[in-house]
């Protein structure tokens, strides 16, 4: 464990924030309206496929990965505080 950085929890929280901001950017841009590609019923211009895929990709990351990063950061934070005292 000597090779791990001491502030690993900060990196985990930073990535969680970056993924959240990218998801919210797509949500505020209105990309949710183009998620009909998920069901295969999408009809539209080429850029709307990208918009729908962007939203779905970051939605899945926001739902599945971000909570893991936050929980791992909290556990790492408390583990480091326990180890240093």
C-alpha atoms as a PDB file:
ATOM      1  CA  UNK A   1       0.000   0.000   0.000  1.00  0.00           C
ATOM      2  CA  UNK A   2       2.986   2.310  -0.043  1.00  0.00           C
ATOM      3  CA  UNK A   3       2.430   3.131  -3.714  1.00  0.00           C
ATOM      4  CA  UNK A   4      -1.071   4.593  -3.200  1.00  0.00           C
ATOM      5  CA  UNK A   5      -1.369   8.371  -2.858  1.00  0.00           C
ATOM      6  CA  UNK A   6      -2.364   9.644   0.557  1.00  0.00           C
ATOM      7  CA  UNK A   7      -5.173  11.815  -0.794  1.00  0.00           C
ATOM      8  CA  UNK A   8      -6.819   9.150  -2.919  1.00  0.00           C
ATOM      9  CA  UNK A   9     -10.269  10.158  -1.652  1.00  0.00           C
ATOM     10  CA  UNK A  10      -9.853  13.613  -3.194  1.00  0.00           C
ATOM     11  CA  UNK A  11      -9.256  12.075  -6.615  1.00  0.00           C
ATOM     12  CA  UNK A  12     -12.342   9.874  -6.227  1.00  0.00           C
ATOM     13  CA  UNK A  13     -14.501  12.852  -5.274  1.00  0.00           C
ATOM     14  CA  UNK A  14     -13.012  14.920  -8.100  1.00  0.00           C
ATOM     15  CA  UNK A  15     -13.955  12.288 -10.686  1.00  0.00           C
ATOM     16  CA  UNK A  16     -17.429  12.024  -9.165  1.00  0.00           C
ATOM     17  CA  UNK A  17     -17.823  15.791  -9.554  1.00  0.00           C
ATOM     18  CA  UNK A  18     -16.505  15.753 -13.131  1.00  0.00           C
ATOM     19  CA  UNK A  19     -18.920  12.991 -14.161  1.00  0.00           C
ATOM     20  CA  UNK A  20     -21.788  14.778 -12.416  1.00  0.00           C
ATOM     21  CA  UNK A  21     -21.017  18.044 -14.173  1.00  0.00           C
ATOM     22  CA  UNK A  22     -20.846  16.308 -17.568  1.00  0.00           C
ATOM     23  CA  UNK A  23     -24.202  14.639 -16.894  1.00  0.00           C
ATOM     24  CA  UNK A  24     -25.827  17.872 -15.767  1.00  0.00           C
ATOM     25  CA  UNK A  25     -24.383  19.673 -18.782  1.00  0.00           C
ATOM     26  CA  UNK A  26     -26.126  17.202 -21.061  1.00  0.00           C
ATOM     27  CA  UNK A  27     -29.318  17.396 -19.030  1.00  0.00           C
ATOM     28  CA  UNK A  28     -29.422  21.191 -19.070  1.00  0.00           C
ATOM     29  CA  UNK A  29     -28.658  21.163 -22.808  1.00  0.00           C
ATOM     30  CA  UNK A  30     -31.862  19.229 -23.409  1.00  0.00           C
ATOM     31  CA  UNK A  31     -30.237  15.999 -24.547  1.00  0.00           C
ATOM     32  CA  UNK A  32     -32.825  14.012 -22.606  1.00  0.00           C
ATOM     33  CA  UNK A  33     -35.270  14.602 -25.437  1.00  0.00           C
ATOM     34  CA  UNK A  34     -33.114  12.543 -27.804  1.00  0.00           C
ATOM     35  CA  UNK A  35     -32.925   9.362 -25.728  1.00  0.00           C
ATOM     36  CA  UNK A  36     -35.403   7.589 -27.957  1.00  0.00           C
ATOM     37  CA  UNK A  37     -32.386   5.851 -29.503  1.00  0.00           C
ATOM     38  CA  UNK A  38     -32.526   3.619 -26.426  1.00  0.00           C
ATOM     39  CA  UNK A  39     -35.739   2.012 -27.700  1.00  0.00           C
ATOM     40  CA  UNK A  40     -34.747   2.127 -31.369  1.00  0.00           C
ATOM     41  CA  UNK A  41     -37.489   4.545 -32.355  1.00  0.00           C
ATOM     42  CA  UNK A  42     -35.303   7.574 -32.973  1.00  0.00           C
ATOM     43  CA  UNK A  43     -35.890   9.581 -36.128  1.00  0.00           C
ATOM     44  CA  UNK A  44     -33.888  12.728 -36.566  1.00  0.00           C
ATOM     45  CA  UNK A  45     -30.724  14.386 -37.711  1.00  0.00           C
ATOM     46  CA  UNK A  46     -27.269  12.908 -37.227  1.00  0.00           C
ATOM     47  CA  UNK A  47     -26.289  15.176 -34.344  1.00  0.00           C
ATOM     48  CA  UNK A  48     -29.302  14.060 -32.328  1.00  0.00           C
ATOM     49  CA  UNK A  49     -27.909  10.524 -32.233  1.00  0.00           C
ATOM     50  CA  UNK A  50     -24.786  11.883 -30.593  1.00  0.00           C
ATOM     51  CA  UNK A  51     -26.860  13.935 -28.175  1.00  0.00           C
ATOM     52  CA  UNK A  52     -28.889  10.888 -27.142  1.00  0.00           C
ATOM     53  CA  UNK A  53     -25.811   8.693 -26.759  1.00  0.00           C
ATOM     54  CA  UNK A  54     -24.038  11.408 -24.771  1.00  0.00           C
ATOM     55  CA  UNK A  55     -26.956  11.691 -22.378  1.00  0.00           C
ATOM     56  CA  UNK A  56     -27.399   7.925 -21.980  1.00  0.00           C
ATOM     57  CA  UNK A  57     -23.671   7.346 -21.470  1.00  0.00           C
ATOM     58  CA  UNK A  58     -23.317   9.940 -18.726  1.00  0.00           C
ATOM     59  CA  UNK A  59     -26.668   8.982 -17.183  1.00  0.00           C
ATOM     60  CA  UNK A  60     -25.479   5.402 -16.743  1.00  0.00           C
ATOM     61  CA  UNK A  61     -22.178   6.654 -15.317  1.00  0.00           C
ATOM     62  CA  UNK A  62     -24.025   9.037 -12.999  1.00  0.00           C
ATOM     63  CA  UNK A  63     -26.333   6.292 -11.731  1.00  0.00           C
ATOM     64  CA  UNK A  64     -23.793   3.440 -11.489  1.00  0.00           C
ATOM     65  CA  UNK A  65     -20.272   4.857 -11.144  1.00  0.00           C
ATOM     66  CA  UNK A  66     -20.652   8.152  -9.259  1.00  0.00           C
ATOM     67  CA  UNK A  67     -22.208   6.587  -6.117  1.00  0.00           C
ATOM     68  CA  UNK A  68     -19.387   4.033  -6.036  1.00  0.00           C
ATOM     69  CA  UNK A  69     -16.792   6.800  -6.292  1.00  0.00           C
ATOM     70  CA  UNK A  70     -18.440   8.818  -3.517  1.00  0.00           C
ATOM     71  CA  UNK A  71     -18.790   5.832  -1.179  1.00  0.00           C
ATOM     72  CA  UNK A  72     -15.215   4.721  -1.883  1.00  0.00           C
ATOM     73  CA  UNK A  73     -13.999   8.257  -1.193  1.00  0.00           C
ATOM     74  CA  UNK A  74     -15.863   8.387   2.117  1.00  0.00           C
ATOM     75  CA  UNK A  75     -14.497   5.001   3.159  1.00  0.00           C
ATOM     76  CA  UNK A  76     -10.985   6.000   2.112  1.00  0.00           C
ATOM     77  CA  UNK A  77     -11.295   9.293   4.010  1.00  0.00           C
ATOM     78  CA  UNK A  78     -12.317   7.587   7.235  1.00  0.00           C
ATOM     79  CA  UNK A  79      -9.718   4.834   6.781  1.00  0.00           C
ATOM     80  CA  UNK A  80      -6.960   7.438   6.398  1.00  0.00           C
ATOM     81  CA  UNK A  81      -8.160   9.376   9.432  1.00  0.00           C
ATOM     82  CA  UNK A  82      -8.264   6.205  11.496  1.00  0.00           C
ATOM     83  CA  UNK A  83      -4.829   5.141  10.272  1.00  0.00           C
ATOM     84  CA  UNK A  84      -3.205   8.544  10.978  1.00  0.00           C
ATOM     85  CA  UNK A  85      -4.476   8.832  14.559  1.00  0.00           C
END
